[in-house]
Amino acid sequence: MLYPLMILVLAATLLASCGATQQVSFQSGGMTHTFSAGKDATRNGFLLPIYPQAKPTGAVSSTDAEESSSFLMLTSTDPVTKIGAFYRDELKNNGWTVEQAQFQDNFVNLSAKKEKLEASIMISREKDKSSITLTVGHEPEGEPVQSTENFVPDKLNPPTD
């Protein structure tokens, strides 16, 4: 889950230098990656409901001919459990099967499926703000593809052990 957060930090840096336009797209690894900030984050629509008392802070989408995934970051002043209950109920009311629901005072984690879609919702609280991370993507078809790449540490990519 660290990878999407690193992407969002990079996106925020890129978008800060973009002026009035709050969206940047580029091609990498055969995929089109689009970063959006602020109100532009929800401009293209999103496959999950948006919490009504939340403000969008950023979004990332990656697509190619076979797969796609989208991440949306929101903030709200409402309590984590209230936001979590909204998402749990909205998912069920919109045909999603909630597979996991963890509720704690300052953290909620939900995962759900609908047809060929997978979704994850993480909500956490720090001080007076709740952070909401929505992730939705198409479930891969067939067996998982095994990577043929072999990791070789170097100066830019040190060993992880």
N, C-alpha and C. Protein backbone atom coordinates (compact mmCIF):
# COMPACT_ATOMS: atom_id res chain seq x y z
N MET A 1 0.81 -1.18 0.00
CA MET A 1 0.00 0.00 0.00
C MET A 1 0.86 1.26 0.00
N LEU A 2 2.14 1.15 0.25
CA LEU A 2 3.01 2.31 0.26
C LEU A 2 3.16 2.90 -1.14
N TYR A 3 3.14 2.06 -2.17
CA TYR A 3 3.33 2.51 -3.54
C TYR A 3 2.32 3.58 -3.95
N PRO A 4 1.00 3.39 -3.72
CA PRO A 4 0.05 4.44 -4.08
C PRO A 4 0.31 5.75 -3.35
N LEU A 5 0.77 5.68 -2.10
CA LEU A 5 1.05 6.90 -1.36
C LEU A 5 2.25 7.63 -1.95
N MET A 6 3.27 6.89 -2.37
CA MET A 6 4.42 7.52 -3.02
C MET A 6 4.00 8.17 -4.32
N ILE A 7 3.11 7.53 -5.06
CA ILE A 7 2.61 8.09 -6.31
C ILE A 7 1.87 9.39 -6.03
N LEU A 8 1.05 9.41 -4.98
CA LEU A 8 0.30 10.62 -4.65
C LEU A 8 1.21 11.76 -4.24
N VAL A 9 2.30 11.48 -3.52
CA VAL A 9 3.26 12.52 -3.15
C VAL A 9 3.91 13.08 -4.41
N LEU A 10 4.32 12.21 -5.31
CA LEU A 10 4.90 12.65 -6.59
C LEU A 10 3.89 13.48 -7.36
N ALA A 11 2.66 13.02 -7.40
CA ALA A 11 1.61 13.73 -8.13
C ALA A 11 1.38 15.11 -7.55
N ALA A 12 1.35 15.21 -6.23
CA ALA A 12 1.13 16.51 -5.59
C ALA A 12 2.25 17.48 -5.95
N THR A 13 3.48 16.98 -5.99
CA THR A 13 4.61 17.81 -6.37
C THR A 13 4.49 18.28 -7.81
N LEU A 14 4.13 17.36 -8.70
CA LEU A 14 3.95 17.73 -10.11
C LEU A 14 2.82 18.72 -10.29
N LEU A 15 1.72 18.49 -9.60
CA LEU A 15 0.55 19.36 -9.76
C LEU A 15 0.77 20.74 -9.18
N ALA A 16 1.58 20.83 -8.15
CA ALA A 16 1.86 22.14 -7.55
C ALA A 16 2.54 23.06 -8.55
N SER A 17 3.26 22.48 -9.50
CA SER A 17 3.97 23.29 -10.49
C SER A 17 3.17 23.47 -11.77
N CYS A 18 1.92 23.00 -11.81
CA CYS A 18 1.12 23.04 -13.02
C CYS A 18 0.26 24.28 -13.17
N GLY A 19 0.20 25.16 -12.19
CA GLY A 19 -0.64 26.35 -12.30
C GLY A 19 -2.10 25.99 -12.14
N ALA A 20 -2.95 26.57 -13.00
CA ALA A 20 -4.40 26.40 -12.89
C ALA A 20 -4.86 24.99 -13.20
N THR A 21 -4.21 24.31 -14.13
CA THR A 21 -4.59 22.95 -14.47
C THR A 21 -4.16 22.02 -13.34
N GLN A 22 -5.09 21.24 -12.84
CA GLN A 22 -4.82 20.36 -11.71
C GLN A 22 -4.77 18.90 -12.13
N GLN A 23 -4.33 18.62 -13.37
CA GLN A 23 -4.27 17.25 -13.86
C GLN A 23 -3.05 17.07 -14.74
N VAL A 24 -2.36 15.94 -14.54
CA VAL A 24 -1.17 15.59 -15.32
C VAL A 24 -1.30 14.14 -15.74
N SER A 25 -1.01 13.84 -17.01
CA SER A 25 -1.02 12.46 -17.51
C SER A 25 0.31 12.15 -18.17
N PHE A 26 0.73 10.89 -18.08
CA PHE A 26 1.92 10.45 -18.78
C PHE A 26 1.84 8.96 -19.06
N GLN A 27 2.64 8.49 -19.99
CA GLN A 27 2.72 7.08 -20.37
C GLN A 27 3.94 6.46 -19.70
N SER A 28 3.75 5.27 -19.13
CA SER A 28 4.87 4.55 -18.54
C SER A 28 4.50 3.07 -18.46
N GLY A 29 5.40 2.22 -18.86
CA GLY A 29 5.17 0.78 -18.77
C GLY A 29 3.95 0.32 -19.54
N GLY A 30 3.62 1.00 -20.63
CA GLY A 30 2.47 0.63 -21.45
C GLY A 30 1.13 1.08 -20.88
N MET A 31 1.18 1.86 -19.79
CA MET A 31 -0.05 2.33 -19.16
C MET A 31 -0.10 3.86 -19.20
N THR A 32 -1.31 4.39 -19.17
CA THR A 32 -1.50 5.82 -19.03
C THR A 32 -1.81 6.11 -17.57
N HIS A 33 -1.02 6.97 -16.95
CA HIS A 33 -1.19 7.35 -15.55
C HIS A 33 -1.67 8.79 -15.51
N THR A 34 -2.73 9.05 -14.76
CA THR A 34 -3.27 10.40 -14.64
C THR A 34 -3.35 10.76 -13.16
N PHE A 35 -2.75 11.91 -12.82
CA PHE A 35 -2.79 12.44 -11.47
C PHE A 35 -3.66 13.68 -11.47
N SER A 36 -4.54 13.79 -10.48
CA SER A 36 -5.42 14.95 -10.36
C SER A 36 -5.39 15.44 -8.93
N ALA A 37 -5.61 16.75 -8.75
CA ALA A 37 -5.63 17.32 -7.41
C ALA A 37 -6.88 18.15 -7.21
N GLY A 38 -7.26 18.32 -5.94
CA GLY A 38 -8.40 19.15 -5.59
C GLY A 38 -9.68 18.70 -6.25
N LYS A 39 -10.47 19.66 -6.70
CA LYS A 39 -11.76 19.34 -7.32
C LYS A 39 -11.59 18.55 -8.61
N ASP A 40 -10.45 18.69 -9.30
CA ASP A 40 -10.19 17.92 -10.51
C ASP A 40 -10.09 16.42 -10.22
N ALA A 41 -9.87 16.05 -8.96
CA ALA A 41 -9.71 14.65 -8.59
C ALA A 41 -10.98 13.84 -8.86
N THR A 42 -12.15 14.47 -8.78
CA THR A 42 -13.40 13.75 -9.02
C THR A 42 -14.06 14.15 -10.33
N ARG A 43 -13.35 14.89 -11.16
CA ARG A 43 -13.91 15.39 -12.41
C ARG A 43 -14.33 14.27 -13.35
N ASN A 44 -13.55 13.22 -13.45
CA ASN A 44 -13.81 12.13 -14.39
C ASN A 44 -14.74 11.06 -13.82
N GLY A 45 -15.31 11.28 -12.67
CA GLY A 45 -16.17 10.28 -12.05
C GLY A 45 -15.34 9.21 -11.35
N PHE A 46 -16.00 8.46 -10.51
CA PHE A 46 -15.33 7.41 -9.76
C PHE A 46 -16.33 6.30 -9.54
N LEU A 47 -15.90 5.06 -9.51
CA LEU A 47 -16.81 3.91 -9.42
C LEU A 47 -17.36 3.64 -8.02
N LEU A 48 -16.85 4.34 -7.02
CA LEU A 48 -17.36 4.20 -5.66
C LEU A 48 -18.04 5.49 -5.26
N PRO A 49 -18.97 5.42 -4.30
CA PRO A 49 -19.62 6.65 -3.86
C PRO A 49 -18.61 7.59 -3.19
N ILE A 50 -18.89 8.89 -3.26
CA ILE A 50 -18.06 9.89 -2.61
C ILE A 50 -18.78 10.34 -1.35
N TYR A 51 -18.12 10.26 -0.22
CA TYR A 51 -18.72 10.68 1.04
C TYR A 51 -19.15 12.15 0.92
N PRO A 52 -20.43 12.45 1.21
CA PRO A 52 -20.97 13.80 0.96
C PRO A 52 -20.24 14.93 1.70
N GLN A 53 -19.73 14.69 2.90
CA GLN A 53 -19.05 15.73 3.66
C GLN A 53 -17.53 15.66 3.51
N ALA A 54 -17.07 15.16 2.37
CA ALA A 54 -15.63 15.03 2.13
C ALA A 54 -15.18 15.97 1.01
N LYS A 55 -13.93 16.37 1.12
CA LYS A 55 -13.31 17.19 0.08
C LYS A 55 -12.24 16.35 -0.62
N PRO A 56 -12.24 16.33 -1.96
CA PRO A 56 -11.19 15.58 -2.66
C PRO A 56 -9.85 16.29 -2.53
N THR A 57 -8.80 15.48 -2.33
CA THR A 57 -7.45 16.05 -2.24
C THR A 57 -6.56 15.58 -3.38
N GLY A 58 -6.83 14.40 -3.94
CA GLY A 58 -6.03 13.91 -5.04
C GLY A 58 -6.52 12.58 -5.56
N ALA A 59 -6.13 12.27 -6.78
CA ALA A 59 -6.53 11.01 -7.41
C ALA A 59 -5.44 10.54 -8.35
N VAL A 60 -5.38 9.23 -8.52
CA VAL A 60 -4.46 8.60 -9.46
C VAL A 60 -5.24 7.54 -10.20
N SER A 61 -5.10 7.49 -11.52
CA SER A 61 -5.69 6.39 -12.28
C SER A 61 -4.64 5.86 -13.24
N SER A 62 -4.65 4.56 -13.43
CA SER A 62 -3.74 3.90 -14.36
C SER A 62 -4.55 2.96 -15.23
N THR A 63 -4.38 3.06 -16.54
CA THR A 63 -5.15 2.22 -17.45
C THR A 63 -4.30 1.74 -18.61
N ASP A 64 -4.65 0.58 -19.11
CA ASP A 64 -4.13 0.09 -20.39
C ASP A 64 -5.26 -0.72 -21.01
N ALA A 65 -4.97 -1.46 -22.05
CA ALA A 65 -6.01 -2.20 -22.76
C ALA A 65 -6.65 -3.29 -21.92
N GLU A 66 -5.95 -3.82 -20.90
CA GLU A 66 -6.45 -4.97 -20.15
C GLU A 66 -6.81 -4.69 -18.70
N GLU A 67 -6.24 -3.67 -18.09
CA GLU A 67 -6.52 -3.45 -16.69
C GLU A 67 -6.58 -1.96 -16.36
N SER A 68 -7.22 -1.67 -15.25
CA SER A 68 -7.28 -0.29 -14.79
C SER A 68 -7.43 -0.27 -13.28
N SER A 69 -6.94 0.78 -12.67
CA SER A 69 -7.12 0.98 -11.24
C SER A 69 -7.18 2.47 -10.97
N SER A 70 -7.91 2.83 -9.92
CA SER A 70 -8.07 4.22 -9.55
C SER A 70 -7.96 4.36 -8.04
N PHE A 71 -7.32 5.44 -7.62
CA PHE A 71 -7.18 5.77 -6.20
C PHE A 71 -7.74 7.18 -6.02
N LEU A 72 -8.52 7.39 -4.98
CA LEU A 72 -9.05 8.71 -4.68
C LEU A 72 -8.81 9.00 -3.22
N MET A 73 -8.25 10.17 -2.93
CA MET A 73 -7.98 10.60 -1.57
C MET A 73 -8.94 11.73 -1.22
N LEU A 74 -9.59 11.60 -0.05
CA LEU A 74 -10.55 12.60 0.43
C LEU A 74 -10.22 12.93 1.89
N THR A 75 -10.73 14.07 2.36
CA THR A 75 -10.65 14.39 3.78
C THR A 75 -12.01 14.87 4.26
N SER A 76 -12.25 14.67 5.56
CA SER A 76 -13.50 15.10 6.18
C SER A 76 -13.24 15.37 7.65
N THR A 77 -14.07 16.19 8.25
CA THR A 77 -13.97 16.42 9.69
C THR A 77 -14.84 15.45 10.48
N ASP A 78 -15.64 14.64 9.78
CA ASP A 78 -16.51 13.68 10.45
C ASP A 78 -15.70 12.53 11.06
N PRO A 79 -16.24 11.86 12.09
CA PRO A 79 -15.56 10.74 12.72
C PRO A 79 -15.42 9.55 11.76
N VAL A 80 -14.36 8.79 11.97
CA VAL A 80 -14.04 7.62 11.14
C VAL A 80 -15.19 6.62 11.10
N THR A 81 -15.79 6.33 12.25
CA THR A 81 -16.85 5.31 12.28
C THR A 81 -18.10 5.76 11.51
N LYS A 82 -18.40 7.05 11.51
CA LYS A 82 -19.54 7.56 10.75
C LYS A 82 -19.28 7.41 9.25
N ILE A 83 -18.08 7.75 8.83
CA ILE A 83 -17.71 7.62 7.41
C ILE A 83 -17.71 6.15 7.01
N GLY A 84 -17.15 5.29 7.88
CA GLY A 84 -17.11 3.86 7.60
C GLY A 84 -18.50 3.26 7.45
N ALA A 85 -19.43 3.67 8.32
CA ALA A 85 -20.81 3.17 8.23
C ALA A 85 -21.45 3.61 6.92
N PHE A 86 -21.17 4.85 6.48
CA PHE A 86 -21.69 5.32 5.20
C PHE A 86 -21.21 4.42 4.07
N TYR A 87 -19.91 4.12 4.02
CA TYR A 87 -19.38 3.29 2.94
C TYR A 87 -19.88 1.86 3.02
N ARG A 88 -19.92 1.29 4.20
CA ARG A 88 -20.45 -0.08 4.34
C ARG A 88 -21.87 -0.16 3.80
N ASP A 89 -22.72 0.78 4.19
CA ASP A 89 -24.12 0.78 3.74
C ASP A 89 -24.24 1.07 2.25
N GLU A 90 -23.49 2.04 1.74
CA GLU A 90 -23.55 2.39 0.32
C GLU A 90 -23.07 1.24 -0.57
N LEU A 91 -22.00 0.57 -0.14
CA LEU A 91 -21.52 -0.58 -0.91
C LEU A 91 -22.61 -1.64 -1.02
N LYS A 92 -23.19 -2.01 0.11
CA LYS A 92 -24.25 -3.03 0.12
C LYS A 92 -25.45 -2.59 -0.71
N ASN A 93 -25.84 -1.32 -0.61
CA ASN A 93 -27.01 -0.81 -1.35
C ASN A 93 -26.76 -0.70 -2.85
N ASN A 94 -25.49 -0.72 -3.26
CA ASN A 94 -25.15 -0.60 -4.68
C ASN A 94 -24.62 -1.90 -5.28
N GLY A 95 -24.95 -3.03 -4.66
CA GLY A 95 -24.63 -4.33 -5.24
C GLY A 95 -23.25 -4.87 -4.96
N TRP A 96 -22.49 -4.24 -4.07
CA TRP A 96 -21.17 -4.73 -3.72
C TRP A 96 -21.31 -5.79 -2.62
N THR A 97 -20.42 -6.76 -2.60
CA THR A 97 -20.33 -7.73 -1.52
C THR A 97 -19.17 -7.31 -0.63
N VAL A 98 -19.48 -6.92 0.59
CA VAL A 98 -18.43 -6.51 1.53
C VAL A 98 -17.78 -7.77 2.08
N GLU A 99 -16.51 -7.95 1.78
CA GLU A 99 -15.78 -9.16 2.19
C GLU A 99 -15.05 -8.98 3.52
N GLN A 100 -14.71 -7.75 3.84
CA GLN A 100 -14.00 -7.48 5.09
C GLN A 100 -14.45 -6.12 5.61
N ALA A 101 -14.69 -6.03 6.91
CA ALA A 101 -15.06 -4.77 7.54
C ALA A 101 -14.43 -4.72 8.93
N GLN A 102 -13.42 -3.89 9.08
CA GLN A 102 -12.75 -3.70 10.36
C GLN A 102 -13.06 -2.29 10.85
N PHE A 103 -13.67 -2.18 12.00
CA PHE A 103 -14.01 -0.89 12.58
C PHE A 103 -13.28 -0.71 13.91
N GLN A 104 -12.49 0.36 14.02
CA GLN A 104 -11.86 0.75 15.27
C GLN A 104 -12.13 2.24 15.45
N ASP A 105 -11.82 2.79 16.61
CA ASP A 105 -12.11 4.20 16.87
C ASP A 105 -11.50 5.14 15.84
N ASN A 106 -10.25 4.92 15.46
CA ASN A 106 -9.55 5.83 14.56
C ASN A 106 -9.13 5.20 13.24
N PHE A 107 -9.72 4.03 12.92
CA PHE A 107 -9.35 3.35 11.68
C PHE A 107 -10.47 2.44 11.22
N VAL A 108 -10.79 2.50 9.94
CA VAL A 108 -11.76 1.59 9.32
C VAL A 108 -11.14 1.06 8.04
N ASN A 109 -11.30 -0.23 7.81
CA ASN A 109 -10.81 -0.86 6.59
C ASN A 109 -11.93 -1.74 6.03
N LEU A 110 -12.33 -1.46 4.79
CA LEU A 110 -13.37 -2.23 4.12
C LEU A 110 -12.81 -2.76 2.79
N SER A 111 -13.18 -3.97 2.43
CA SER A 111 -12.87 -4.48 1.09
C SER A 111 -14.14 -5.11 0.54
N ALA A 112 -14.33 -4.94 -0.77
CA ALA A 112 -15.57 -5.41 -1.39
C ALA A 112 -15.32 -5.81 -2.83
N LYS A 113 -16.27 -6.61 -3.37
CA LYS A 113 -16.24 -7.02 -4.77
C LYS A 113 -17.60 -6.81 -5.39
N LYS A 114 -17.58 -6.54 -6.68
CA LYS A 114 -18.81 -6.41 -7.46
C LYS A 114 -18.47 -6.81 -8.88
N GLU A 115 -19.07 -7.89 -9.35
CA GLU A 115 -18.77 -8.43 -10.68
C GLU A 115 -17.26 -8.59 -10.82
N LYS A 116 -16.60 -7.88 -11.73
CA LYS A 116 -15.15 -8.03 -11.91
C LYS A 116 -14.36 -6.89 -11.28
N LEU A 117 -15.00 -6.19 -10.33
CA LEU A 117 -14.34 -5.07 -9.66
C LEU A 117 -13.97 -5.44 -8.23
N GLU A 118 -12.86 -4.89 -7.77
CA GLU A 118 -12.42 -5.02 -6.39
C GLU A 118 -12.27 -3.62 -5.82
N ALA A 119 -12.67 -3.44 -4.57
CA ALA A 119 -12.57 -2.13 -3.94
C ALA A 119 -11.99 -2.25 -2.54
N SER A 120 -11.29 -1.19 -2.15
CA SER A 120 -10.73 -1.09 -0.81
C SER A 120 -10.99 0.33 -0.31
N ILE A 121 -11.41 0.43 0.94
CA ILE A 121 -11.66 1.74 1.55
C ILE A 121 -10.94 1.76 2.89
N MET A 122 -10.03 2.72 3.05
CA MET A 122 -9.32 2.88 4.32
C MET A 122 -9.59 4.29 4.83
N ILE A 123 -9.97 4.37 6.08
CA ILE A 123 -10.28 5.65 6.70
C ILE A 123 -9.49 5.72 8.00
N SER A 124 -8.75 6.80 8.19
CA SER A 124 -7.98 6.96 9.42
C SER A 124 -8.14 8.39 9.93
N ARG A 125 -7.91 8.55 11.20
CA ARG A 125 -8.11 9.85 11.84
C ARG A 125 -6.83 10.31 12.49
N GLU A 126 -6.50 11.58 12.28
CA GLU A 126 -5.38 12.21 12.97
C GLU A 126 -5.81 13.61 13.34
N LYS A 127 -5.77 13.91 14.61
CA LYS A 127 -6.22 15.19 15.17
C LYS A 127 -7.67 15.45 14.78
N ASP A 128 -7.93 16.49 14.01
CA ASP A 128 -9.31 16.86 13.69
C ASP A 128 -9.72 16.52 12.26
N LYS A 129 -8.98 15.62 11.62
CA LYS A 129 -9.24 15.31 10.21
C LYS A 129 -9.25 13.81 9.97
N SER A 130 -10.23 13.36 9.19
CA SER A 130 -10.28 11.96 8.75
C SER A 130 -9.79 11.91 7.31
N SER A 131 -8.88 10.98 7.03
CA SER A 131 -8.38 10.76 5.67
C SER A 131 -9.06 9.52 5.11
N ILE A 132 -9.56 9.64 3.89
CA ILE A 132 -10.28 8.55 3.23
C ILE A 132 -9.52 8.19 1.96
N THR A 133 -9.16 6.92 1.82
CA THR A 133 -8.50 6.44 0.61
C THR A 133 -9.39 5.38 -0.03
N LEU A 134 -9.84 5.67 -1.24
CA LEU A 134 -10.69 4.74 -1.99
C LEU A 134 -9.85 4.15 -3.13
N THR A 135 -9.91 2.85 -3.28
CA THR A 135 -9.19 2.16 -4.35
C THR A 135 -10.17 1.25 -5.06
N VAL A 136 -10.19 1.31 -6.37
CA VAL A 136 -11.05 0.40 -7.14
C VAL A 136 -10.30 -0.02 -8.40
N GLY A 137 -10.41 -1.30 -8.74
CA GLY A 137 -9.74 -1.81 -9.92
C GLY A 137 -10.45 -3.03 -10.46
N HIS A 138 -10.12 -3.37 -11.67
CA HIS A 138 -10.69 -4.56 -12.28
C HIS A 138 -9.92 -5.78 -11.82
N GLU A 139 -10.66 -6.80 -11.42
CA GLU A 139 -10.07 -8.06 -11.00
C GLU A 139 -9.35 -8.68 -12.19
N PRO A 140 -8.10 -9.13 -12.02
CA PRO A 140 -7.39 -9.72 -13.15
C PRO A 140 -8.06 -11.00 -13.64
N GLU A 141 -8.00 -11.22 -14.94
CA GLU A 141 -8.59 -12.42 -15.54
C GLU A 141 -7.58 -13.55 -15.50
N GLY A 142 -8.04 -14.76 -15.29
CA GLY A 142 -7.18 -15.95 -15.33
C GLY A 142 -6.23 -16.02 -14.15
N GLU A 143 -5.19 -16.80 -14.33
CA GLU A 143 -4.19 -17.01 -13.30
C GLU A 143 -3.28 -15.79 -13.19
N PRO A 144 -2.78 -15.49 -11.99
CA PRO A 144 -1.84 -14.38 -11.85
C PRO A 144 -0.59 -14.61 -12.69
N VAL A 145 -0.10 -13.56 -13.28
CA VAL A 145 1.11 -13.63 -14.11
C VAL A 145 2.32 -13.54 -13.19
N GLN A 146 3.21 -14.50 -13.33
CA GLN A 146 4.44 -14.49 -12.56
C GLN A 146 5.47 -13.61 -13.25
N SER A 147 6.09 -12.74 -12.49
CA SER A 147 7.10 -11.85 -13.05
C SER A 147 8.35 -12.65 -13.41
N THR A 148 8.94 -12.31 -14.54
CA THR A 148 10.18 -12.96 -14.96
C THR A 148 11.38 -12.09 -14.61
N GLU A 149 11.12 -10.91 -14.01
CA GLU A 149 12.21 -10.02 -13.64
C GLU A 149 12.90 -10.55 -12.40
N ASN A 150 14.19 -10.40 -12.36
CA ASN A 150 14.97 -10.74 -11.18
C ASN A 150 15.51 -9.44 -10.61
N PHE A 151 15.23 -9.19 -9.34
CA PHE A 151 15.69 -7.99 -8.69
C PHE A 151 17.18 -8.07 -8.45
N VAL A 152 17.89 -7.05 -8.88
CA VAL A 152 19.33 -6.96 -8.65
C VAL A 152 19.59 -5.62 -7.97
N PRO A 153 20.01 -5.65 -6.70
CA PRO A 153 20.27 -4.39 -6.01
C PRO A 153 21.36 -3.57 -6.70
N ASP A 154 21.21 -2.26 -6.67
CA ASP A 154 22.24 -1.35 -7.17
C ASP A 154 22.20 -0.09 -6.33
N LYS A 155 22.88 0.99 -6.75
CA LYS A 155 22.94 2.22 -5.95
C LYS A 155 21.56 2.85 -5.78
N LEU A 156 20.72 2.79 -6.81
CA LEU A 156 19.40 3.39 -6.72
C LEU A 156 18.38 2.50 -6.04
N ASN A 157 18.59 1.18 -6.10
CA ASN A 157 17.66 0.20 -5.52
C ASN A 157 18.43 -0.73 -4.59
N PRO A 158 18.64 -0.30 -3.35
CA PRO A 158 19.42 -1.14 -2.42
C PRO A 158 18.63 -2.37 -1.98
N PRO A 159 19.31 -3.34 -1.38
CA PRO A 159 18.63 -4.54 -0.90
C PRO A 159 17.56 -4.17 0.13
N THR A 160 16.49 -4.95 0.18
CA THR A 160 15.40 -4.66 1.12
C THR A 160 15.54 -5.42 2.43
N ASP A 161 16.48 -6.32 2.56
CA ASP A 161 16.64 -7.11 3.81
C ASP A 161 17.33 -6.30 4.87
